[in-house]
Amino acid sequence: MIWTHLGAALGMLAVPLLALTGHLTLPLLAVALFAVGVLSVFSAAAEQSIIPDLVPRPLLVTANARFGQSGTVAQTSGPAVGGALVSWISAPATLLIAALSHLAAALLMTTVQVQERRTDGPAGSRVLRSIGQGLAFVYRHRTLAPLGISTHIWFIANSAAMTVFALYALRELGLSPVLYGVMLACVGVGVGGLLGAFCAPAAVRRLGEGRTILIGKTITPLAWIGVALVPHAEPWAVVCLAGAKMLYGFSIGFEDPAELGYRQAVTAPSMLGRLNATMRSANRTMAVVGSLLGGVLAGLLGYRVTIWWMILIFAVAVVVVLATPLRTARAPQD
């Protein structure tokens, strides 16, 4: 985590330096952002893998919920702050601030005192071999396999729906850009995500991880049905979209801690990094597929019809959980 945040800081710092010297081009910008994206995969896998070393197993869901709440605040406030900074001090200077934030993250992580329980095999292990072990572990597991497949399907539908959503709200429903941004960040996903993460630990204690995951995945298509049924009148459209997006944010904040906590609890420390890297890489690949699918369907069928098709795909993700042992799964507590 320390080294990947330092690398991301250097990648982002390169952009304002190149702009300052007059050498910034689109290919160089793409290379810098690609490097930052690759490093984020390593960093995220490490962050998800180190949590069991920081808290006891019964507190995994609560810990993930707290991380989810802080992430929700950052993700909802970040775009607004970033947009304001771009208008005030220019885009390259904003990336300089982003680079400093990665540097600050790396410095803070050096203060974390933890004894990592990693036993990732002999020093001669090859990367491709580790990738194969991660794939085999995830997709041969009795409950992690359906969890992974359901989540992959969810990412396809979610990425496609989110690709279409902005155009649907701004063009078809006629919302102003300012009203759309305030509704999405302050009323919708942000508040809903915080509430969902707050409720997740109690739900897991009462229902178990499997049923909590099932409820979260079931709420998602219900939220998008609300989006698809929004009327064209602007005042009502804002109210309905805010409510639907709040429910959508709640489903994510409610499900994610249960899913992450379950994965961390049932996976041995020696395999946890490989599992998280496998899941994250596959999910991001499905997100790319979903974005392309959403754009194509929106062009062929229109925005509202495309959202209805994505609702059906969200429902398939629910069926995968419902039809497998994952629906009643509980993580061991000792």
Protein backbone atom coordinates (compact mmCIF):
# COMPACT_ATOMS: atom_id res chain seq x y z
CA MET A 1 0.00 0.00 0.00
CA ILE A 2 2.80 2.42 0.83
CA TRP A 3 4.68 1.84 -2.41
CA THR A 4 1.59 1.90 -4.61
CA HIS A 5 0.46 5.22 -3.15
CA LEU A 6 3.96 6.63 -3.69
CA GLY A 7 3.84 5.38 -7.28
CA ALA A 8 0.41 6.93 -7.82
CA ALA A 9 1.71 10.22 -6.42
CA LEU A 10 4.57 10.17 -8.94
CA GLY A 11 2.20 9.29 -11.80
CA MET A 12 -0.12 12.19 -11.00
CA LEU A 13 2.78 14.55 -10.32
CA ALA A 14 4.10 13.85 -13.81
CA VAL A 15 1.04 15.48 -15.40
CA PRO A 16 1.44 19.03 -13.98
CA LEU A 17 5.21 18.85 -14.49
CA LEU A 18 4.76 17.93 -18.15
CA ALA A 19 2.14 20.66 -18.53
CA LEU A 20 4.47 23.21 -16.90
CA THR A 21 7.30 22.37 -19.29
CA GLY A 22 5.00 22.29 -22.33
CA HIS A 23 5.48 18.57 -23.04
CA LEU A 24 2.08 17.24 -21.97
CA THR A 25 0.34 15.30 -24.74
CA LEU A 26 -2.70 13.04 -24.76
CA PRO A 27 -0.61 9.83 -25.11
CA LEU A 28 1.57 10.81 -22.13
CA LEU A 29 -1.53 11.66 -20.10
CA ALA A 30 -2.99 8.25 -20.97
CA VAL A 31 0.24 6.50 -19.89
CA ALA A 32 0.26 8.34 -16.55
CA LEU A 33 -3.38 7.53 -15.82
CA PHE A 34 -2.92 3.91 -16.91
CA ALA A 35 -0.03 3.55 -14.46
CA VAL A 36 -2.10 5.06 -11.65
CA GLY A 37 -4.97 2.69 -12.51
CA VAL A 38 -2.71 -0.37 -12.41
CA LEU A 39 -1.27 0.67 -9.06
CA SER A 40 -4.80 1.15 -7.68
CA VAL A 41 -5.54 -2.54 -8.34
CA PHE A 42 -2.55 -3.55 -6.22
CA SER A 43 -3.42 -1.01 -3.52
CA ALA A 44 -7.08 -2.02 -3.28
CA ALA A 45 -6.25 -5.72 -3.09
CA ALA A 46 -3.78 -5.02 -0.29
CA GLU A 47 -6.22 -2.80 1.61
CA GLN A 48 -8.92 -5.49 1.54
CA SER A 49 -6.40 -8.16 2.56
CA ILE A 50 -4.89 -6.37 5.55
CA ILE A 51 -8.14 -5.72 7.42
CA PRO A 52 -8.16 -9.22 9.06
CA ASP A 53 -4.73 -8.37 10.49
CA LEU A 54 -6.10 -5.19 12.07
CA VAL A 55 -9.36 -6.41 13.65
CA PRO A 56 -10.64 -9.75 15.03
CA ARG A 57 -12.88 -11.85 12.82
CA PRO A 58 -16.19 -10.95 14.53
CA LEU A 59 -15.54 -7.27 13.74
CA LEU A 60 -14.71 -7.68 10.03
CA VAL A 61 -18.14 -6.56 8.79
CA THR A 62 -18.13 -3.56 11.13
CA ALA A 63 -14.62 -2.58 10.02
CA ASN A 64 -15.57 -2.84 6.35
CA ALA A 65 -18.71 -0.80 7.04
CA ARG A 66 -16.63 1.98 8.61
CA PHE A 67 -14.23 1.97 5.65
CA GLY A 68 -17.25 2.03 3.35
CA GLN A 69 -18.72 5.04 5.13
CA SER A 70 -15.48 7.01 4.85
CA GLY A 71 -15.18 5.96 1.19
CA THR A 72 -18.73 7.12 0.50
CA VAL A 73 -17.99 10.55 1.94
CA ALA A 74 -14.82 10.81 -0.15
CA GLN A 75 -16.46 9.59 -3.37
CA THR A 76 -19.45 11.90 -3.08
CA SER A 77 -17.50 15.01 -2.05
CA GLY A 78 -14.47 14.36 -4.26
CA PRO A 79 -16.04 15.15 -7.66
CA ALA A 80 -17.55 18.39 -6.36
CA VAL A 81 -14.26 19.48 -4.77
CA GLY A 82 -12.34 18.42 -7.87
CA GLY A 83 -14.64 20.35 -10.17
CA ALA A 84 -14.32 23.46 -8.03
CA LEU A 85 -10.52 23.18 -7.94
CA VAL A 86 -10.32 22.76 -11.72
CA SER A 87 -12.29 25.97 -12.21
CA TRP A 88 -10.22 27.86 -9.63
CA ILE A 89 -6.65 26.68 -10.17
CA SER A 90 -6.70 24.64 -13.43
CA ALA A 91 -6.70 20.89 -14.04
CA PRO A 92 -2.90 20.32 -13.81
CA ALA A 93 -2.75 22.09 -10.45
CA THR A 94 -5.66 19.97 -9.23
CA LEU A 95 -3.73 16.83 -10.14
CA LEU A 96 -0.83 18.20 -8.11
CA ILE A 97 -3.13 18.30 -5.08
CA ALA A 98 -4.27 14.74 -5.88
CA ALA A 99 -0.62 13.66 -5.98
CA LEU A 100 -0.03 15.23 -2.57
CA SER A 101 -3.06 13.33 -1.21
CA HIS A 102 -1.49 10.03 -2.32
CA LEU A 103 1.77 11.08 -0.68
CA ALA A 104 -0.09 11.87 2.54
CA ALA A 105 -1.79 8.46 2.39
CA ALA A 106 1.58 6.72 2.04
CA LEU A 107 3.00 8.65 5.01
CA LEU A 108 -0.02 7.82 7.18
CA MET A 109 0.29 4.13 6.32
CA THR A 110 3.86 4.07 7.58
CA THR A 111 2.45 4.75 11.07
CA VAL A 112 0.27 1.60 11.07
CA GLN A 113 1.82 -1.04 13.30
CA VAL A 114 0.62 -4.47 12.24
CA GLN A 115 1.99 -8.00 12.12
CA GLU A 116 0.90 -9.31 8.72
CA ARG A 117 0.06 -13.00 8.59
CA ARG A 118 0.97 -13.45 4.94
CA THR A 119 2.46 -16.83 3.98
CA ASP A 120 2.40 -16.55 0.22
CA GLY A 121 4.66 -19.45 -0.60
CA PRO A 122 8.33 -19.74 -1.55
CA ALA A 123 10.31 -16.84 -2.87
CA GLY A 124 10.52 -18.46 -6.30
CA SER A 125 6.74 -18.37 -6.89
CA ARG A 126 5.79 -16.91 -10.24
CA VAL A 127 3.13 -14.27 -10.83
CA LEU A 128 1.25 -16.36 -13.40
CA ARG A 129 1.18 -19.28 -11.01
CA SER A 130 -0.26 -17.06 -8.28
CA ILE A 131 -2.89 -15.74 -10.67
CA GLY A 132 -3.89 -19.31 -11.53
CA GLN A 133 -4.13 -20.21 -7.86
CA GLY A 134 -6.36 -17.22 -7.19
CA LEU A 135 -8.67 -18.09 -10.08
CA ALA A 136 -8.89 -21.75 -9.04
CA PHE A 137 -9.59 -20.87 -5.42
CA VAL A 138 -12.39 -18.41 -6.21
CA TYR A 139 -14.23 -20.30 -8.93
CA ARG A 140 -14.02 -23.75 -7.32
CA HIS A 141 -15.24 -22.58 -3.91
CA ARG A 142 -18.73 -23.63 -2.80
CA THR A 143 -19.87 -20.11 -1.85
CA LEU A 144 -17.19 -17.75 -3.18
CA ALA A 145 -17.81 -18.92 -6.76
CA PRO A 146 -21.50 -17.89 -6.80
CA LEU A 147 -20.58 -14.71 -4.93
CA GLY A 148 -18.00 -13.88 -7.59
CA ILE A 149 -20.32 -14.71 -10.51
CA SER A 150 -23.21 -12.73 -9.02
CA THR A 151 -20.96 -9.74 -8.39
CA HIS A 152 -19.55 -9.90 -11.94
CA ILE A 153 -23.09 -9.83 -13.34
CA TRP A 154 -23.93 -6.94 -11.01
CA PHE A 155 -20.93 -4.96 -12.29
CA ILE A 156 -22.03 -5.42 -15.90
CA ALA A 157 -25.52 -4.13 -15.16
CA ASN A 158 -24.34 -1.36 -12.85
CA SER A 159 -21.73 -0.02 -15.23
CA ALA A 160 -24.18 -0.04 -18.13
CA ALA A 161 -26.92 1.62 -16.08
CA MET A 162 -24.57 4.31 -14.75
CA THR A 163 -23.29 4.97 -18.27
CA VAL A 164 -26.85 5.71 -19.38
CA PHE A 165 -28.06 7.41 -16.19
CA ALA A 166 -26.47 10.84 -16.66
CA LEU A 167 -27.73 11.14 -20.24
CA TYR A 168 -31.16 9.91 -19.17
CA ALA A 169 -31.44 12.47 -16.37
CA LEU A 170 -29.98 15.42 -18.28
CA ARG A 171 -31.35 14.85 -21.77
CA GLU A 172 -34.55 12.86 -21.45
CA LEU A 173 -35.77 14.20 -18.09
CA GLY A 174 -34.33 17.68 -18.64
CA LEU A 175 -32.59 18.20 -15.30
CA SER A 176 -30.08 21.04 -15.09
CA PRO A 177 -26.43 19.95 -14.58
CA VAL A 178 -26.21 21.77 -11.23
CA LEU A 179 -29.41 20.22 -9.89
CA TYR A 180 -28.32 16.80 -11.13
CA GLY A 181 -24.96 17.04 -9.37
CA VAL A 182 -26.40 18.21 -6.06
CA MET A 183 -29.10 15.54 -6.15
CA LEU A 184 -26.66 12.75 -6.90
CA ALA A 185 -23.92 13.68 -4.43
CA CYS A 186 -25.76 15.16 -1.46
CA VAL A 187 -29.16 13.48 -1.49
CA GLY A 188 -28.76 10.26 -3.42
CA VAL A 189 -25.86 7.85 -3.29
CA GLY A 190 -23.99 9.63 -0.47
CA VAL A 191 -26.73 9.59 2.17
CA GLY A 192 -28.00 6.17 1.09
CA GLY A 193 -24.54 4.64 1.20
CA LEU A 194 -23.88 5.95 4.70
CA LEU A 195 -27.21 4.59 5.96
CA GLY A 196 -26.61 1.22 4.33
CA ALA A 197 -23.16 0.84 5.85
CA PHE A 198 -24.56 1.85 9.24
CA CYS A 199 -27.22 -0.91 9.05
CA ALA A 200 -24.99 -3.66 7.65
CA PRO A 201 -23.29 -4.92 10.87
CA ALA A 202 -26.59 -5.37 12.70
CA ALA A 203 -28.11 -7.13 9.68
CA VAL A 204 -25.19 -9.56 9.46
CA ARG A 205 -25.41 -10.37 13.17
CA ARG A 206 -29.11 -11.10 12.86
CA LEU A 207 -29.37 -12.66 9.38
CA GLY A 208 -25.86 -13.78 8.42
CA GLU A 209 -23.71 -12.63 5.52
CA GLY A 210 -25.51 -14.64 2.83
CA ARG A 211 -28.98 -13.25 3.53
CA THR A 212 -27.60 -9.73 3.93
CA ILE A 213 -25.91 -9.99 0.55
CA LEU A 214 -29.15 -11.31 -0.96
CA ILE A 215 -31.17 -8.41 0.46
CA GLY A 216 -28.64 -5.87 -0.80
CA LYS A 217 -28.61 -7.31 -4.31
CA THR A 218 -32.42 -7.44 -4.33
CA ILE A 219 -32.76 -3.78 -3.40
CA THR A 220 -30.58 -2.69 -6.34
CA PRO A 221 -33.02 -3.58 -9.18
CA LEU A 222 -35.88 -2.14 -7.12
CA ALA A 223 -34.00 1.17 -6.95
CA TRP A 224 -33.43 1.16 -10.70
CA ILE A 225 -37.11 0.42 -11.31
CA GLY A 226 -37.74 3.68 -9.48
CA VAL A 227 -35.28 5.40 -11.84
CA ALA A 228 -36.98 3.94 -14.92
CA LEU A 229 -40.44 5.08 -13.75
CA VAL A 230 -39.47 8.71 -13.07
CA PRO A 231 -41.94 11.19 -14.65
CA HIS A 232 -40.82 13.96 -16.98
CA ALA A 233 -41.99 16.87 -14.82
CA GLU A 234 -38.79 18.37 -13.35
CA PRO A 235 -39.82 18.88 -9.68
CA TRP A 236 -41.18 15.36 -9.41
CA ALA A 237 -38.29 13.99 -11.42
CA VAL A 238 -35.81 15.41 -8.89
CA VAL A 239 -37.72 13.98 -5.93
CA CYS A 240 -38.15 10.54 -7.52
CA LEU A 241 -34.55 10.34 -8.74
CA ALA A 242 -33.23 11.40 -5.34
CA GLY A 243 -35.28 8.71 -3.62
CA ALA A 244 -34.30 6.02 -6.13
CA LYS A 245 -30.61 6.92 -5.96
CA MET A 246 -30.74 6.98 -2.17
CA LEU A 247 -32.17 3.45 -2.22
CA TYR A 248 -29.47 2.45 -4.72
CA GLY A 249 -26.74 3.87 -2.48
CA PHE A 250 -28.28 2.10 0.51
CA SER A 251 -28.09 -1.25 -1.31
CA ILE A 252 -24.38 -0.80 -2.01
CA GLY A 253 -23.52 0.40 1.49
CA PHE A 254 -25.60 -2.44 2.97
CA GLU A 255 -24.15 -5.27 0.87
CA ASP A 256 -20.47 -4.39 0.49
CA PRO A 257 -19.42 -4.81 4.16
CA ALA A 258 -21.14 -8.21 4.31
CA GLU A 259 -19.52 -9.35 1.08
CA LEU A 260 -16.02 -8.17 1.99
CA GLY A 261 -16.28 -9.44 5.56
CA TYR A 262 -17.42 -12.86 4.38
CA ARG A 263 -14.60 -13.14 1.85
CA GLN A 264 -12.04 -12.17 4.46
CA ALA A 265 -13.43 -14.59 7.06
CA VAL A 266 -13.56 -17.72 4.89
CA THR A 267 -10.22 -17.21 3.11
CA ALA A 268 -6.87 -18.21 4.58
CA PRO A 269 -4.32 -15.36 4.93
CA SER A 270 -2.07 -17.10 2.39
CA MET A 271 -4.78 -16.80 -0.30
CA LEU A 272 -6.47 -13.54 0.62
CA GLY A 273 -4.38 -11.27 -1.58
CA ARG A 274 -4.90 -13.52 -4.59
CA LEU A 275 -8.62 -13.72 -3.96
CA ASN A 276 -9.04 -9.95 -3.70
CA ALA A 277 -6.89 -9.31 -6.76
CA THR A 278 -8.88 -11.89 -8.74
CA MET A 279 -12.24 -10.48 -7.72
CA ARG A 280 -11.27 -6.86 -8.26
CA SER A 281 -9.67 -7.50 -11.66
CA ALA A 282 -12.66 -9.52 -12.88
CA ASN A 283 -15.15 -6.96 -11.58
CA ARG A 284 -13.36 -4.07 -13.28
CA THR A 285 -13.25 -6.04 -16.52
CA MET A 286 -16.99 -6.60 -16.29
CA ALA A 287 -17.44 -2.87 -15.66
CA VAL A 288 -15.70 -2.11 -18.97
CA VAL A 289 -17.96 -4.61 -20.74
CA GLY A 290 -20.99 -3.05 -19.09
CA SER A 291 -20.04 0.48 -20.13
CA LEU A 292 -19.73 -0.62 -23.75
CA LEU A 293 -22.99 -2.55 -23.55
CA GLY A 294 -24.82 0.41 -22.05
CA GLY A 295 -23.60 2.77 -24.74
CA VAL A 296 -24.54 0.41 -27.57
CA LEU A 297 -28.01 -0.34 -26.18
CA ALA A 298 -28.70 3.33 -25.45
CA GLY A 299 -27.95 4.15 -29.07
CA LEU A 300 -30.16 1.33 -30.36
CA LEU A 301 -33.04 1.29 -27.87
CA GLY A 302 -33.02 4.61 -25.99
CA TYR A 303 -32.14 5.45 -22.41
CA ARG A 304 -35.24 4.25 -20.55
CA VAL A 305 -35.47 0.90 -22.38
CA THR A 306 -31.77 0.27 -21.73
CA ILE A 307 -32.31 0.83 -18.00
CA TRP A 308 -35.12 -1.76 -18.05
CA TRP A 309 -32.78 -4.29 -19.65
CA MET A 310 -30.19 -3.60 -16.96
CA ILE A 311 -32.85 -4.19 -14.30
CA LEU A 312 -33.29 -7.70 -15.75
CA ILE A 313 -29.53 -8.28 -15.53
CA PHE A 314 -29.52 -7.07 -11.92
CA ALA A 315 -32.28 -9.64 -11.29
CA VAL A 316 -30.07 -12.40 -12.73
CA ALA A 317 -27.40 -11.52 -10.14
CA VAL A 318 -30.05 -11.94 -7.44
CA VAL A 319 -31.09 -15.34 -8.82
CA VAL A 320 -27.48 -16.58 -8.69
CA VAL A 321 -27.37 -15.90 -4.95
CA LEU A 322 -30.86 -17.25 -4.35
CA ALA A 323 -30.18 -20.53 -6.18
CA THR A 324 -26.88 -21.39 -4.46
CA PRO A 325 -25.62 -22.15 -0.93
CA LEU A 326 -24.48 -18.54 -0.66
CA ARG A 327 -28.01 -17.42 0.27
CA THR A 328 -27.72 -18.91 3.80
CA ALA A 329 -23.95 -18.65 4.26
CA ARG A 330 -22.49 -17.46 7.55
CA ALA A 331 -18.83 -16.74 8.21
CA PRO A 332 -17.08 -18.56 11.07
CA GLN A 333 -16.56 -16.32 14.10
CA ASP A 334 -13.53 -17.96 15.72
